[in-house]
Every structure is written in C-alpha cells, then in structure tokens.
Amino acid sequence: MATEEVGKLYPIAKAILTPLFRASWRFDLQGLENVPESGGAILCPNHTSVLDSFFVPALLPRRVTYVGKAEYMDDWKTRKLFPALGMIPIDREGGDAGERALTTARRVLEKGELFGIYPEGTRSRDGRLYRGHTGPARLALRANVPIIPIGISGARDVMAPDAKFPKLRMPVTIRFGRPITVGRYVDRANDRMVLRQITDEVMYEIRELSGQEYVDEYANKKKASPTATEALHAAGSVASAPNGHAGPAPEVPAEAARREGEGEDGAFVEVTTPRSSADALKAPIRRSRV
C-alpha cells in the first residue's frame, strides 16, 4: 500500500462522522490541551471497544493515522475503505511487512502528524488493562516524538466485544494525559530496559486516566496471533541488528518478561529517575488531573 493512498477519504469521513457521533453519544473530552496543536506525536489509548478507533480520530481537531490488521486487506468491503480513512495495514507476523509499516509510521510522524497505536496490541475482552508491548516506545525513540496516553471510559458500554450494534445516547469520557517525552533516551533506542521503562510509564498513565484494573500479562497472549504492536517491535529488532539480521525472537518466560527493563540491581532506576515503574501499576488507582 503506497503512502499516498492512505487517508484519501479522511476529510470526507471526518466531516460526516464527527457531527454524527456528537449527536449519537454524550462525550466528555478532558485534557485536550495536552495534544500538541502541531508536530508529530504518538497517541496511545486503552482499547476495550471497536469504536475506540473511530471516536478518537472523529473528535480530535487534528488528523490521526492508525495501524490496522492486514487481514482487512483480504475483505473486499474494507480493502480500499480502511486505508483511505487513514489506516496503515500491518502484517501481524512481522518481518518485512512489519518493517514497512514501521517505516510508514515514522514517515507520518516526521511529517508532523499524529499516529495512533494501541500499546496492549489488541482489544481487551474483559475490560481490564493489560501489559503494554514496546512497539510504541521504539517508534517514539526512532522519531523522537512524545507519547500521549489516553484513557477511554464508556466505549465498552456503548459497544461490548460481542455486540452487533452500539447503544445510543450513552456517555463516553476520553481523557488525554500529559505528553511523555523520550528525548533523554534517544541514544539508547535499542536498550530493552529503556523500552520497557517507557512502556510501563505509558501504561501507568493510561491506568490513571481510565481507572481500569491492571493485569501484568499480555492480553490474549496464549490465544492470539502476534499483534500489530508486536510486529512493530519485531521489525525494529531486525532493523537494529548488525547487518540487518537478528536471531529469532525468543518466547520470554513470564517471570523474565515481568522483570524486563526493571533492572534487578536497581542501577537502571538510579540512572534514569523514572516517573513510574511496573510495580506502581499494581498500586490502588489514583485519578490523575488533566
């Protein structure tokens, strides 16, 4: 899919969907001042409903480009429509297709546009917040742009995972958190501890904004195929390896994955002075003010 083919129908879709959505649901948008008026940034929302991908782009003044499953390209009903609306199709098996999507996403950011990606990698079926993948952090470091955490509440009530039609006139709250900058880490873009630290910080902020219960494991990890975010992560790993080659990505044991990026001797925490950590995600929810 050529870059110029992505988003052709976006202005038309936005002109139709924005007033339609505002008439259909009661939106409460908080923290809009945290979204920069110009320049590239990565939007990282929680994901509990299929409508999340429509609500945020329709209600933001700026254009948003998202990644989506390559499977949409196999269906005649969505093959042209979704990319025209701004979706970048990505092969969730990673490899060359994942790297192309990563390159396209970076190009979007370097043009000064907004790029959206779900750090959980897939929709939460039970409404809880799951452990984030490091793809968004890797992309933010490559493009040196901030990450905007977003907490969406009420979308799952509007349209649950197994619902065929949405419920109208329901309240939906979208909270935009303060930008998380990564400039201090750009020279350590391939450091797994840095990627995990940034990702945990993003998930902590999303949790504060959404009020969800946090689960320290990947969503549907045993049942689902690799997600779009995982493909971005895998593609970045291949691209950063010597001579463009990397060994196969090992399946990280649960305990090792939990410790990834935390630094068992505490040295990492001392030199990075993080705003949050994976352990903080397990603390009681404290609603942040945006």
C-alpha atoms as a PDB file:
ATOM      1  CA  MET A   1       0.000   0.000   0.000  1.00  0.00           C
ATOM      2  CA  ALA A   2       1.594   3.233  -1.154  1.00  0.00           C
ATOM      3  CA  THR A   3       1.757   6.015   1.420  1.00  0.00           C
ATOM      4  CA  GLU A   4      -0.155   8.408  -0.831  1.00  0.00           C
ATOM      5  CA  GLU A   5      -3.111   6.006  -0.886  1.00  0.00           C
ATOM      6  CA  VAL A   6      -3.533   6.209   2.879  1.00  0.00           C
ATOM      7  CA  GLY A   7      -6.085   8.716   4.152  1.00  0.00           C
ATOM      8  CA  LYS A   8      -7.610   9.906   0.888  1.00  0.00           C
ATOM      9  CA  LEU A   9     -11.146   9.832   2.285  1.00  0.00           C
ATOM     10  CA  TYR A  10     -10.206  11.094   5.745  1.00  0.00           C
ATOM     11  CA  PRO A  11     -11.576  14.668   5.350  1.00  0.00           C
ATOM     12  CA  ILE A  12     -14.867  13.353   3.967  1.00  0.00           C
ATOM     13  CA  ALA A  13     -15.219  10.691   6.678  1.00  0.00           C
ATOM     14  CA  LYS A  14     -14.424  13.200   9.435  1.00  0.00           C
ATOM     15  CA  ALA A  15     -16.934  15.718   8.093  1.00  0.00           C
ATOM     16  CA  ILE A  16     -19.629  13.031   8.272  1.00  0.00           C
ATOM     17  CA  LEU A  17     -18.669  11.122  11.411  1.00  0.00           C
ATOM     18  CA  THR A  18     -17.871  13.998  13.784  1.00  0.00           C
ATOM     19  CA  PRO A  19     -21.371  15.555  13.835  1.00  0.00           C
ATOM     20  CA  LEU A  20     -22.965  12.097  13.662  1.00  0.00           C
ATOM     21  CA  PHE A  21     -21.047  10.841  16.706  1.00  0.00           C
ATOM     22  CA  ARG A  22     -21.694  14.006  18.708  1.00  0.00           C
ATOM     23  CA  ALA A  23     -25.403  13.628  18.053  1.00  0.00           C
ATOM     24  CA  SER A  24     -25.375   9.916  18.944  1.00  0.00           C
ATOM     25  CA  TRP A  25     -23.370   9.904  22.209  1.00  0.00           C
ATOM     26  CA  ARG A  26     -22.583  12.201  25.127  1.00  0.00           C
ATOM     27  CA  PHE A  27     -18.839  12.863  25.001  1.00  0.00           C
ATOM     28  CA  ASP A  28     -16.748  14.375  27.760  1.00  0.00           C
ATOM     29  CA  LEU A  29     -13.299  15.285  26.442  1.00  0.00           C
ATOM     30  CA  GLN A  30     -10.717  16.132  29.082  1.00  0.00           C
ATOM     31  CA  GLY A  31      -7.109  17.272  28.696  1.00  0.00           C
ATOM     32  CA  LEU A  32      -7.317  18.286  25.037  1.00  0.00           C
ATOM     33  CA  GLU A  33      -4.671  20.899  25.799  1.00  0.00           C
ATOM     34  CA  ASN A  34      -2.208  18.002  26.209  1.00  0.00           C
ATOM     35  CA  VAL A  35      -2.431  17.178  22.497  1.00  0.00           C
ATOM     36  CA  PRO A  36       0.025  19.448  20.658  1.00  0.00           C
ATOM     37  CA  GLU A  37      -1.504  21.724  18.039  1.00  0.00           C
ATOM     38  CA  SER A  38       1.304  20.859  15.625  1.00  0.00           C
ATOM     39  CA  GLY A  39       4.167  18.404  15.280  1.00  0.00           C
ATOM     40  CA  GLY A  40       4.331  14.636  15.422  1.00  0.00           C
ATOM     41  CA  ALA A  41       3.100  12.656  18.424  1.00  0.00           C
ATOM     42  CA  ILE A  42       2.010   9.100  19.179  1.00  0.00           C
ATOM     43  CA  LEU A  43      -1.458   8.569  20.651  1.00  0.00           C
ATOM     44  CA  CYS A  44      -1.669   5.525  22.934  1.00  0.00           C
ATOM     45  CA  PRO A  45      -5.232   4.761  24.086  1.00  0.00           C
ATOM     46  CA  ASN A  46      -6.582   1.817  26.007  1.00  0.00           C
ATOM     47  CA  HIS A  47      -8.679  -0.469  23.831  1.00  0.00           C
ATOM     48  CA  THR A  48     -11.937  -2.039  25.026  1.00  0.00           C
ATOM     49  CA  SER A  49     -14.252  -1.433  22.054  1.00  0.00           C
ATOM     50  CA  VAL A  50     -14.030  -1.434  18.272  1.00  0.00           C
ATOM     51  CA  LEU A  51     -15.378   2.124  18.421  1.00  0.00           C
ATOM     52  CA  ASP A  52     -12.169   3.402  20.041  1.00  0.00           C
ATOM     53  CA  SER A  53     -10.578   3.643  16.606  1.00  0.00           C
ATOM     54  CA  PHE A  54     -13.401   5.893  15.440  1.00  0.00           C
ATOM     55  CA  PHE A  55     -14.095   8.040  18.489  1.00  0.00           C
ATOM     56  CA  VAL A  56     -10.603   9.499  18.956  1.00  0.00           C
ATOM     57  CA  PRO A  57      -9.963  10.492  15.300  1.00  0.00           C
ATOM     58  CA  ALA A  58     -13.501  11.838  14.866  1.00  0.00           C
ATOM     59  CA  LEU A  59     -13.339  14.081  17.935  1.00  0.00           C
ATOM     60  CA  LEU A  60      -9.778  15.395  17.686  1.00  0.00           C
ATOM     61  CA  PRO A  61      -9.304  18.520  15.570  1.00  0.00           C
ATOM     62  CA  ARG A  62      -6.108  17.069  14.061  1.00  0.00           C
ATOM     63  CA  ARG A  63      -5.838  14.140  11.688  1.00  0.00           C
ATOM     64  CA  VAL A  64      -4.906  10.766  13.207  1.00  0.00           C
ATOM     65  CA  THR A  65      -3.413   7.788  11.361  1.00  0.00           C
ATOM     66  CA  TYR A  66      -3.772   4.302  12.879  1.00  0.00           C
ATOM     67  CA  VAL A  67      -2.304   0.880  12.219  1.00  0.00           C
ATOM     68  CA  GLY A  68      -4.715  -1.960  11.491  1.00  0.00           C
ATOM     69  CA  LYS A  69      -4.708  -5.677  10.786  1.00  0.00           C
ATOM     70  CA  ALA A  70      -3.523  -6.710   7.324  1.00  0.00           C
ATOM     71  CA  GLU A  71      -6.479  -9.102   7.275  1.00  0.00           C
ATOM     72  CA  TYR A  72      -8.677  -6.121   6.448  1.00  0.00           C
ATOM     73  CA  MET A  73      -6.955  -6.073   3.046  1.00  0.00           C
ATOM     74  CA  ASP A  74      -8.394  -9.521   2.289  1.00  0.00           C
ATOM     75  CA  ASP A  75     -12.005  -8.359   2.569  1.00  0.00           C
ATOM     76  CA  TRP A  76     -13.472  -6.503  -0.405  1.00  0.00           C
ATOM     77  CA  LYS A  77     -15.599  -4.388   1.965  1.00  0.00           C
ATOM     78  CA  THR A  78     -12.584  -2.940   3.783  1.00  0.00           C
ATOM     79  CA  ARG A  79      -9.686  -3.369   1.319  1.00  0.00           C
ATOM     80  CA  LYS A  80      -9.987   0.183  -0.001  1.00  0.00           C
ATOM     81  CA  LEU A  81     -12.096   1.824   2.688  1.00  0.00           C
ATOM     82  CA  PHE A  82      -9.902   1.456   5.773  1.00  0.00           C
ATOM     83  CA  PRO A  83      -6.619   2.653   4.204  1.00  0.00           C
ATOM     84  CA  ALA A  84      -8.500   5.535   2.583  1.00  0.00           C
ATOM     85  CA  LEU A  85      -9.696   6.521   6.050  1.00  0.00           C
ATOM     86  CA  GLY A  86      -6.127   6.613   7.348  1.00  0.00           C
ATOM     87  CA  MET A  87      -5.371   3.032   8.415  1.00  0.00           C
ATOM     88  CA  ILE A  88      -1.903   1.618   7.727  1.00  0.00           C
ATOM     89  CA  PRO A  89      -2.274  -2.156   7.210  1.00  0.00           C
ATOM     90  CA  ILE A  90       0.331  -4.239   9.006  1.00  0.00           C
ATOM     91  CA  ASP A  91       1.119  -7.930   8.739  1.00  0.00           C
ATOM     92  CA  ARG A  92       0.941  -9.192  12.320  1.00  0.00           C
ATOM     93  CA  GLU A  93       3.503 -11.867  11.543  1.00  0.00           C
ATOM     94  CA  GLY A  94       6.146  -9.106  11.452  1.00  0.00           C
ATOM     95  CA  GLY A  95       9.158  -9.434   9.154  1.00  0.00           C
ATOM     96  CA  ASP A  96       9.457  -7.239   6.066  1.00  0.00           C
ATOM     97  CA  ALA A  97       5.778  -6.213   6.201  1.00  0.00           C
ATOM     98  CA  GLY A  98       6.177  -5.081   9.798  1.00  0.00           C
ATOM     99  CA  GLU A  99       9.271  -3.083   8.914  1.00  0.00           C
ATOM    100  CA  ARG A 100       7.448  -1.369   6.039  1.00  0.00           C
ATOM    101  CA  ALA A 101       4.633  -0.396   8.402  1.00  0.00           C
ATOM    102  CA  LEU A 102       7.187   0.898  10.906  1.00  0.00           C
ATOM    103  CA  THR A 103       8.832   2.986   8.198  1.00  0.00           C
ATOM    104  CA  THR A 104       5.471   4.358   7.071  1.00  0.00           C
ATOM    105  CA  ALA A 105       4.515   5.212  10.652  1.00  0.00           C
ATOM    106  CA  ARG A 106       7.795   7.036  11.164  1.00  0.00           C
ATOM    107  CA  ARG A 107       7.203   8.970   7.936  1.00  0.00           C
ATOM    108  CA  VAL A 108       3.789  10.050   9.245  1.00  0.00           C
ATOM    109  CA  LEU A 109       5.378  11.319  12.455  1.00  0.00           C
ATOM    110  CA  GLU A 110       8.219  13.088  10.674  1.00  0.00           C
ATOM    111  CA  LYS A 111       5.638  14.950   8.587  1.00  0.00           C
ATOM    112  CA  GLY A 112       4.365  16.378  11.858  1.00  0.00           C
ATOM    113  CA  GLU A 113       1.169  14.307  12.074  1.00  0.00           C
ATOM    114  CA  LEU A 114      -0.462  12.243  14.819  1.00  0.00           C
ATOM    115  CA  PHE A 115      -0.093   8.474  14.815  1.00  0.00           C
ATOM    116  CA  GLY A 116      -2.291   6.176  16.896  1.00  0.00           C
ATOM    117  CA  ILE A 117      -1.406   2.724  18.175  1.00  0.00           C
ATOM    118  CA  TYR A 118      -2.757   0.551  20.985  1.00  0.00           C
ATOM    119  CA  PRO A 119       0.073  -0.434  23.370  1.00  0.00           C
ATOM    120  CA  GLU A 120      -1.893  -3.507  24.509  1.00  0.00           C
ATOM    121  CA  GLY A 121      -1.769  -4.640  20.878  1.00  0.00           C
ATOM    122  CA  THR A 122      -5.331  -5.957  20.843  1.00  0.00           C
ATOM    123  CA  ARG A 123      -8.750  -5.293  22.323  1.00  0.00           C
ATOM    124  CA  SER A 124      -9.293  -6.181  25.985  1.00  0.00           C
ATOM    125  CA  ARG A 125     -12.118  -8.691  26.060  1.00  0.00           C
ATOM    126  CA  ASP A 126     -12.856  -8.289  29.766  1.00  0.00           C
ATOM    127  CA  GLY A 127     -12.364  -4.536  30.109  1.00  0.00           C
ATOM    128  CA  ARG A 128      -9.156  -4.739  32.167  1.00  0.00           C
ATOM    129  CA  LEU A 129      -5.892  -3.033  31.180  1.00  0.00           C
ATOM    130  CA  TYR A 130      -3.131  -5.415  30.091  1.00  0.00           C
ATOM    131  CA  ARG A 131       0.656  -5.184  29.887  1.00  0.00           C
ATOM    132  CA  GLY A 132       1.907  -2.944  27.091  1.00  0.00           C
ATOM    133  CA  HIS A 133       4.108  -4.007  24.192  1.00  0.00           C
ATOM    134  CA  THR A 134       7.197  -1.915  23.486  1.00  0.00           C
ATOM    135  CA  GLY A 135       6.433  -1.084  19.825  1.00  0.00           C
ATOM    136  CA  PRO A 136       5.125   2.444  20.548  1.00  0.00           C
ATOM    137  CA  ALA A 137       8.188   3.215  22.679  1.00  0.00           C
ATOM    138  CA  ARG A 138      10.518   2.006  19.930  1.00  0.00           C
ATOM    139  CA  LEU A 139       8.682   4.151  17.381  1.00  0.00           C
ATOM    140  CA  ALA A 140       8.755   7.217  19.650  1.00  0.00           C
ATOM    141  CA  LEU A 141      12.515   6.869  20.101  1.00  0.00           C
ATOM    142  CA  ARG A 142      13.118   6.465  16.365  1.00  0.00           C
ATOM    143  CA  ALA A 143      11.112   9.577  15.505  1.00  0.00           C
ATOM    144  CA  ASN A 144      11.933  11.437  18.766  1.00  0.00           C
ATOM    145  CA  VAL A 145       8.319  12.411  19.391  1.00  0.00           C
ATOM    146  CA  PRO A 146       6.223  12.421  22.582  1.00  0.00           C
ATOM    147  CA  ILE A 147       3.667   9.794  23.533  1.00  0.00           C
ATOM    148  CA  ILE A 148       0.193  10.954  24.579  1.00  0.00           C
ATOM    149  CA  PRO A 149      -1.512   8.407  26.885  1.00  0.00           C
ATOM    150  CA  ILE A 150      -5.301   8.274  26.507  1.00  0.00           C
ATOM    151  CA  GLY A 151      -7.894   6.762  28.808  1.00  0.00           C
ATOM    152  CA  ILE A 152     -11.271   5.957  27.233  1.00  0.00           C
ATOM    153  CA  SER A 153     -14.164   5.151  29.571  1.00  0.00           C
ATOM    154  CA  GLY A 154     -17.643   4.097  28.495  1.00  0.00           C
ATOM    155  CA  ALA A 155     -16.893   2.882  24.962  1.00  0.00           C
ATOM    156  CA  ARG A 156     -17.244  -0.734  26.066  1.00  0.00           C
ATOM    157  CA  ASP A 157     -20.699   0.049  27.448  1.00  0.00           C
ATOM    158  CA  VAL A 158     -21.626   1.580  24.099  1.00  0.00           C
ATOM    159  CA  MET A 159     -20.491  -1.490  22.180  1.00  0.00           C
ATOM    160  CA  ALA A 160     -19.287  -4.574  24.010  1.00  0.00           C
ATOM    161  CA  PRO A 161     -16.913  -7.029  22.260  1.00  0.00           C
ATOM    162  CA  ASP A 162     -19.712  -9.372  21.149  1.00  0.00           C
ATOM    163  CA  ALA A 163     -22.344  -6.712  20.392  1.00  0.00           C
ATOM    164  CA  LYS A 164     -23.554  -6.304  16.811  1.00  0.00           C
ATOM    165  CA  PHE A 165     -24.837  -2.757  17.204  1.00  0.00           C
ATOM    166  CA  PRO A 166     -23.875   0.136  19.508  1.00  0.00           C
ATOM    167  CA  LYS A 167     -26.151   1.637  22.143  1.00  0.00           C
ATOM    168  CA  LEU A 168     -27.056   5.265  21.530  1.00  0.00           C
ATOM    169  CA  ARG A 169     -27.028   8.263  23.879  1.00  0.00           C
ATOM    170  CA  MET A 170     -24.528   6.633  26.232  1.00  0.00           C
ATOM    171  CA  PRO A 171     -21.817   8.709  27.996  1.00  0.00           C
ATOM    172  CA  VAL A 172     -18.214   8.339  26.816  1.00  0.00           C
ATOM    173  CA  THR A 173     -15.265  10.009  28.543  1.00  0.00           C
ATOM    174  CA  ILE A 174     -11.927  10.456  26.779  1.00  0.00           C
ATOM    175  CA  ARG A 175      -9.024  11.757  28.872  1.00  0.00           C
ATOM    176  CA  PHE A 176      -5.809  12.900  27.198  1.00  0.00           C
ATOM    177  CA  GLY A 177      -2.821  12.666  29.525  1.00  0.00           C
ATOM    178  CA  ARG A 178       0.291  14.793  29.685  1.00  0.00           C
ATOM    179  CA  PRO A 179       2.864  14.059  26.952  1.00  0.00           C
ATOM    180  CA  ILE A 180       5.577  11.573  27.864  1.00  0.00           C
ATOM    181  CA  THR A 181       8.808  12.750  26.275  1.00  0.00           C
ATOM    182  CA  VAL A 182      11.574  10.350  25.283  1.00  0.00           C
ATOM    183  CA  GLY A 183      14.339  12.748  24.247  1.00  0.00           C
ATOM    184  CA  ARG A 184      16.588  11.726  27.128  1.00  0.00           C
ATOM    185  CA  TYR A 185      16.597   8.147  25.825  1.00  0.00           C
ATOM    186  CA  VAL A 186      17.161   8.645  22.070  1.00  0.00           C
ATOM    187  CA  ASP A 187      20.748   7.397  22.250  1.00  0.00           C
ATOM    188  CA  ARG A 188      19.505   4.170  23.878  1.00  0.00           C
ATOM    189  CA  ALA A 189      16.757   3.325  21.398  1.00  0.00           C
ATOM    190  CA  ASN A 190      17.722  -0.363  21.293  1.00  0.00           C
ATOM    191  CA  ASP A 191      18.018  -0.811  25.052  1.00  0.00           C
ATOM    192  CA  ARG A 192      15.291  -3.235  26.132  1.00  0.00           C
ATOM    193  CA  MET A 193      15.265  -1.819  29.647  1.00  0.00           C
ATOM    194  CA  VAL A 194      14.609   1.661  28.287  1.00  0.00           C
ATOM    195  CA  LEU A 195      11.824   0.385  26.036  1.00  0.00           C
ATOM    196  CA  ARG A 196      10.204  -1.418  28.964  1.00  0.00           C
ATOM    197  CA  GLN A 197      10.567   1.606  31.255  1.00  0.00           C
ATOM    198  CA  ILE A 198       8.857   3.921  28.750  1.00  0.00           C
ATOM    199  CA  THR A 199       6.135   1.369  28.092  1.00  0.00           C
ATOM    200  CA  ASP A 200       5.412   0.869  31.799  1.00  0.00           C
ATOM    201  CA  GLU A 201       5.188   4.625  32.239  1.00  0.00           C
ATOM    202  CA  VAL A 202       2.681   4.849  29.386  1.00  0.00           C
ATOM    203  CA  MET A 203       0.571   2.036  30.857  1.00  0.00           C
ATOM    204  CA  TYR A 204       0.679   3.632  34.309  1.00  0.00           C
ATOM    205  CA  GLU A 205      -0.691   6.887  32.922  1.00  0.00           C
ATOM    206  CA  ILE A 206      -3.378   5.099  30.886  1.00  0.00           C
ATOM    207  CA  ARG A 207      -4.432   3.252  34.024  1.00  0.00           C
ATOM    208  CA  GLU A 208      -4.706   6.518  35.948  1.00  0.00           C
ATOM    209  CA  LEU A 209      -6.768   8.083  33.161  1.00  0.00           C
ATOM    210  CA  SER A 210      -9.097   5.145  32.523  1.00  0.00           C
ATOM    211  CA  GLY A 211      -9.477   3.776  36.057  1.00  0.00           C
ATOM    212  CA  GLN A 212      -9.096   0.203  34.798  1.00  0.00           C
ATOM    213  CA  GLU A 213      -7.814  -2.733  36.782  1.00  0.00           C
ATOM    214  CA  TYR A 214      -4.291  -3.608  35.619  1.00  0.00           C
ATOM    215  CA  VAL A 215      -3.218  -7.146  34.700  1.00  0.00           C
ATOM    216  CA  ASP A 216       0.543  -7.765  34.485  1.00  0.00           C
ATOM    217  CA  GLU A 217       0.369 -10.048  31.451  1.00  0.00           C
ATOM    218  CA  TYR A 218      -0.199  -9.625  27.737  1.00  0.00           C
ATOM    219  CA  ALA A 219      -3.788  -9.617  26.513  1.00  0.00           C
ATOM    220  CA  ASN A 220      -4.841 -12.929  24.922  1.00  0.00           C
ATOM    221  CA  LYS A 221      -1.178 -13.899  24.663  1.00  0.00           C
ATOM    222  CA  LYS A 222      -1.814 -17.652  24.578  1.00  0.00           C
ATOM    223  CA  LYS A 223      -4.697 -17.473  22.112  1.00  0.00           C
ATOM    224  CA  ALA A 224      -3.971 -14.568  19.791  1.00  0.00           C
ATOM    225  CA  SER A 225      -1.530 -14.354  16.925  1.00  0.00           C
ATOM    226  CA  PRO A 226       1.203 -11.692  17.103  1.00  0.00           C
ATOM    227  CA  THR A 227      -0.347  -8.222  17.281  1.00  0.00           C
ATOM    228  CA  ALA A 228       0.337  -5.140  15.194  1.00  0.00           C
ATOM    229  CA  THR A 229       2.353  -3.659  18.041  1.00  0.00           C
ATOM    230  CA  GLU A 230       4.396  -6.857  18.364  1.00  0.00           C
ATOM    231  CA  ALA A 231       5.102  -6.707  14.634  1.00  0.00           C
ATOM    232  CA  LEU A 232       6.427  -3.169  15.006  1.00  0.00           C
ATOM    233  CA  HIS A 233       8.633  -4.338  17.864  1.00  0.00           C
ATOM    234  CA  ALA A 234       9.913  -7.325  15.888  1.00  0.00           C
ATOM    235  CA  ALA A 235      10.554  -5.199  12.817  1.00  0.00           C
ATOM    236  CA  GLY A 236      12.542  -2.715  14.877  1.00  0.00           C
ATOM    237  CA  SER A 237      14.616  -5.519  16.361  1.00  0.00           C
ATOM    238  CA  VAL A 238      15.546  -6.804  12.905  1.00  0.00           C
ATOM    239  CA  ALA A 239      16.341  -3.342  11.601  1.00  0.00           C
ATOM    240  CA  SER A 240      18.615  -2.532  14.528  1.00  0.00           C
ATOM    241  CA  ALA A 241      20.632  -5.749  14.446  1.00  0.00           C
ATOM    242  CA  PRO A 242      24.080  -5.904  12.800  1.00  0.00           C
ATOM    243  CA  ASN A 243      23.835  -6.335   9.009  1.00  0.00           C
ATOM    244  CA  GLY A 244      20.055  -6.127   9.323  1.00  0.00           C
ATOM    245  CA  HIS A 245      19.794  -9.649  10.769  1.00  0.00           C
ATOM    246  CA  ALA A 246      18.551 -10.737  14.146  1.00  0.00           C
ATOM    247  CA  GLY A 247      18.081 -14.071  15.783  1.00  0.00           C
ATOM    248  CA  PRO A 248      14.577 -15.382  16.274  1.00  0.00           C
ATOM    249  CA  ALA A 249      12.669 -13.522  18.958  1.00  0.00           C
ATOM    250  CA  PRO A 250      12.565 -15.921  21.904  1.00  0.00           C
ATOM    251  CA  GLU A 251       9.420 -16.502  23.886  1.00  0.00           C
ATOM    252  CA  VAL A 252      10.203 -14.685  27.104  1.00  0.00           C
ATOM    253  CA  PRO A 253       9.154 -16.633  30.221  1.00  0.00           C
ATOM    254  CA  ALA A 254       6.510 -14.877  32.284  1.00  0.00           C
ATOM    255  CA  GLU A 255       8.812 -14.058  35.200  1.00  0.00           C
ATOM    256  CA  ALA A 256      11.601 -12.845  32.935  1.00  0.00           C
ATOM    257  CA  ALA A 257       9.149 -10.720  30.979  1.00  0.00           C
ATOM    258  CA  ARG A 258       7.899  -9.188  34.203  1.00  0.00           C
ATOM    259  CA  ARG A 259      11.445  -8.222  35.166  1.00  0.00           C
ATOM    260  CA  GLU A 260      12.313  -6.949  31.696  1.00  0.00           C
ATOM    261  CA  GLY A 261      13.514  -3.387  31.975  1.00  0.00           C
ATOM    262  CA  GLU A 262      13.234  -3.145  35.739  1.00  0.00           C
ATOM    263  CA  GLY A 263      16.910  -3.771  36.494  1.00  0.00           C
ATOM    264  CA  GLU A 264      17.353  -6.254  39.340  1.00  0.00           C
ATOM    265  CA  ASP A 265      20.305  -4.442  40.910  1.00  0.00           C
ATOM    266  CA  GLY A 266      18.499  -1.084  40.931  1.00  0.00           C
ATOM    267  CA  ALA A 267      21.194   0.618  38.842  1.00  0.00           C
ATOM    268  CA  PHE A 268      18.827   1.281  35.983  1.00  0.00           C
ATOM    269  CA  VAL A 269      16.359   3.044  38.269  1.00  0.00           C
ATOM    270  CA  GLU A 270      19.113   5.208  39.703  1.00  0.00           C
ATOM    271  CA  VAL A 271      20.395   6.480  36.362  1.00  0.00           C
ATOM    272  CA  THR A 272      17.046   7.066  34.696  1.00  0.00           C
ATOM    273  CA  THR A 273      14.974   8.520  37.559  1.00  0.00           C
ATOM    274  CA  PRO A 274      11.693   7.235  36.069  1.00  0.00           C
ATOM    275  CA  ARG A 275       8.319   8.791  36.842  1.00  0.00           C
ATOM    276  CA  SER A 276       6.798   5.367  37.375  1.00  0.00           C
ATOM    277  CA  SER A 277       7.596   1.658  37.338  1.00  0.00           C
ATOM    278  CA  ALA A 278       5.877  -1.624  36.661  1.00  0.00           C
ATOM    279  CA  ASP A 279       5.269  -2.062  40.389  1.00  0.00           C
ATOM    280  CA  ALA A 280       3.390   1.241  40.522  1.00  0.00           C
ATOM    281  CA  LEU A 281       0.821  -0.197  38.129  1.00  0.00           C
ATOM    282  CA  LYS A 282      -0.309  -2.565  40.865  1.00  0.00           C
ATOM    283  CA  ALA A 283      -0.968   0.226  43.381  1.00  0.00           C
ATOM    284  CA  PRO A 284      -4.518   1.494  44.025  1.00  0.00           C
ATOM    285  CA  ILE A 285      -5.874   3.744  41.294  1.00  0.00           C
ATOM    286  CA  ARG A 286      -5.283   7.457  41.835  1.00  0.00           C
ATOM    287  CA  ARG A 287      -7.110   9.557  39.288  1.00  0.00           C
ATOM    288  CA  SER A 288      -4.681  11.986  37.681  1.00  0.00           C
ATOM    289  CA  ARG A 289      -5.764  15.511  36.938  1.00  0.00           C
ATOM    290  CA  VAL A 290      -5.543  16.505  33.260  1.00  0.00           C
END
